[in-house]
Each structure stands twice: as C-alpha cells, then as structure tokens.
Protein backbone atom coordinates (compact mmCIF):
# COMPACT_ATOMS: atom_id res chain seq x y z
CA UNK A 1 117.91 98.78 89.10
CA UNK A 2 120.79 100.65 88.00
CA UNK A 3 119.87 103.74 90.19
CA UNK A 4 119.53 101.48 93.14
CA UNK A 5 123.04 100.03 92.31
CA UNK A 6 124.30 103.54 92.03
CA UNK A 7 122.79 104.56 95.10
CA UNK A 8 123.96 101.89 97.34
CA UNK A 9 127.55 101.40 95.72
CA UNK A 10 128.19 105.24 97.01
CA UNK A 11 127.72 103.91 100.68
CA UNK A 12 130.95 101.43 100.83
CA UNK A 13 131.68 97.89 100.89
CA UNK A 14 128.76 95.49 101.74
CA UNK A 15 128.74 93.09 104.47
CA UNK A 16 126.37 90.99 106.76
CA UNK A 17 126.89 91.40 110.59
CA UNK A 18 124.53 89.77 112.93
CA UNK A 19 120.65 89.46 112.82
CA UNK A 20 118.66 92.37 113.25
CA UNK A 21 114.37 92.36 113.39
CA UNK A 22 112.44 93.69 110.22
CA UNK A 23 108.77 93.23 110.45
CA UNK A 24 108.86 91.24 113.29
CA UNK A 25 111.40 88.69 111.91
CA UNK A 26 114.97 88.29 112.53
CA UNK A 27 116.80 88.92 108.99
CA UNK A 28 120.66 88.89 108.61
CA UNK A 29 121.89 92.58 109.11
CA UNK A 30 122.95 94.14 105.90
CA UNK A 31 125.42 97.19 105.89
CA UNK A 32 126.96 99.14 103.23
CA UNK A 33 129.89 100.82 104.81
CA UNK A 34 129.00 101.76 108.28
CA UNK A 35 125.32 102.30 107.09
CA UNK A 36 123.15 99.53 108.28
CA UNK A 37 120.29 99.12 105.58
CA UNK A 38 117.66 96.99 107.59
CA UNK A 39 114.69 99.34 108.27
CA UNK A 40 116.56 102.09 106.70
CA UNK A 41 114.44 103.81 104.00
CA UNK A 42 116.83 106.60 102.76
CA UNK A 43 118.40 104.74 99.93
CA UNK A 44 115.05 103.18 98.69
CA UNK A 45 113.19 106.31 99.05
CA UNK A 46 115.80 108.21 97.07
CA UNK A 47 115.44 105.74 94.44
CA UNK A 48 111.88 105.89 94.30
CA UNK A 49 111.61 109.78 94.21
CA UNK A 50 114.05 110.00 91.08
CA UNK A 51 112.69 107.24 89.09
CA UNK A 52 109.15 106.61 90.31
CA UNK A 53 107.77 103.48 91.13
CA UNK A 54 108.98 101.14 94.17
CA UNK A 55 112.52 100.02 95.49
CA UNK A 56 113.34 96.92 97.75
CA UNK A 57 116.22 95.67 99.18
CA UNK A 58 116.11 92.05 100.12
CA UNK A 59 118.49 89.80 101.89
CA UNK A 60 118.94 86.09 101.70
CA UNK A 61 118.28 83.94 104.75
CA UNK A 62 118.94 80.38 103.95
CA UNK A 63 116.26 79.53 101.15
CA UNK A 64 114.34 82.67 101.93
CA UNK A 65 114.71 86.11 100.61
CA UNK A 66 113.44 88.80 103.06
CA UNK A 67 112.63 92.44 102.35
CA UNK A 68 114.81 94.47 104.79
CA UNK A 69 114.18 98.18 103.10
CA UNK A 70 111.47 99.06 101.27
CA UNK A 71 108.86 101.91 100.09
CA UNK A 72 106.31 99.38 99.46
CA UNK A 73 103.43 99.74 101.95
CA UNK A 74 101.22 97.00 103.53
CA UNK A 75 97.36 97.64 103.15
CA UNK A 76 97.05 98.66 106.56
CA UNK A 77 99.88 101.68 106.13
CA UNK A 78 103.32 100.37 107.81
CA UNK A 79 106.34 99.50 105.22
CA UNK A 80 106.35 95.76 104.17
CA UNK A 81 109.50 95.01 105.71
CA UNK A 82 109.91 91.39 106.93
CA UNK A 83 107.76 90.15 103.72
CA UNK A 84 109.38 87.36 102.09
CA UNK A 85 109.54 86.57 98.34
CA UNK A 86 107.25 83.78 97.35
CA UNK A 87 109.84 81.01 97.09
CA UNK A 88 107.72 79.50 93.82
CA UNK A 89 107.31 82.77 92.27
CA UNK A 90 108.79 84.06 88.88
CA UNK A 91 111.04 86.39 90.76
CA UNK A 92 112.92 83.69 92.45
CA UNK A 93 114.04 82.24 89.21
CA UNK A 94 115.28 85.72 87.77
CA UNK A 95 117.58 85.99 91.36
CA UNK A 96 119.22 82.62 90.66
CA UNK A 97 119.97 83.84 87.24
CA UNK A 98 121.15 86.95 88.61
CA UNK A 99 118.89 88.86 86.20
CA UNK A 100 117.09 92.11 87.58
C-alpha cells in the first residue's frame, strides 16, 4: 500500500472531473495532477513489478467502489476494470475505517 501511495503521490493533486467508461461502466474520472488514472496502468504495473502481487485503484461512485486501474486480469484475459467491490465483503469495512 505504501508503494502505491508513493507512486501516486508523485503525480500531483488528486481530483475527480467528469465520468469515464471503465469496463463498460461509467465511473468518476480520477486524475492525479494532469494524469487520468482511469484505464491507465503505468502506476499499478510499476507497483506490482516492484512489490510483487497485484495493485488496484478504486473510485467511489455513490455506495459503490469501481476498479478503475488494475493489473488484475479476468479469467478470459483483459484487465478487470469496471469490477465493483462486494458491498457486503470484508474490504468495505476496512475502507470505511480508513484501513489498508
């Protein structure tokens, strides 16, 4: 998590501006500085390469958390952008507590 925070922190101030399609769904368009993060995989690829494992960035859209950048792939091959976190899953509880 620290590596992802460090990589994204170097890009600039976060902002949300408009809506952008990810995986066939509209998601808030997430920018760090002038870099649009939706459907951009440089940061998640770099973190995964350095740290191993997977890296994903989600955007909140109402009560939903939509995957906008990831190195996680679906079973049929493409990246799993547009997937939503399970609203009843354990990860949501951690997010609401501001935990990694």
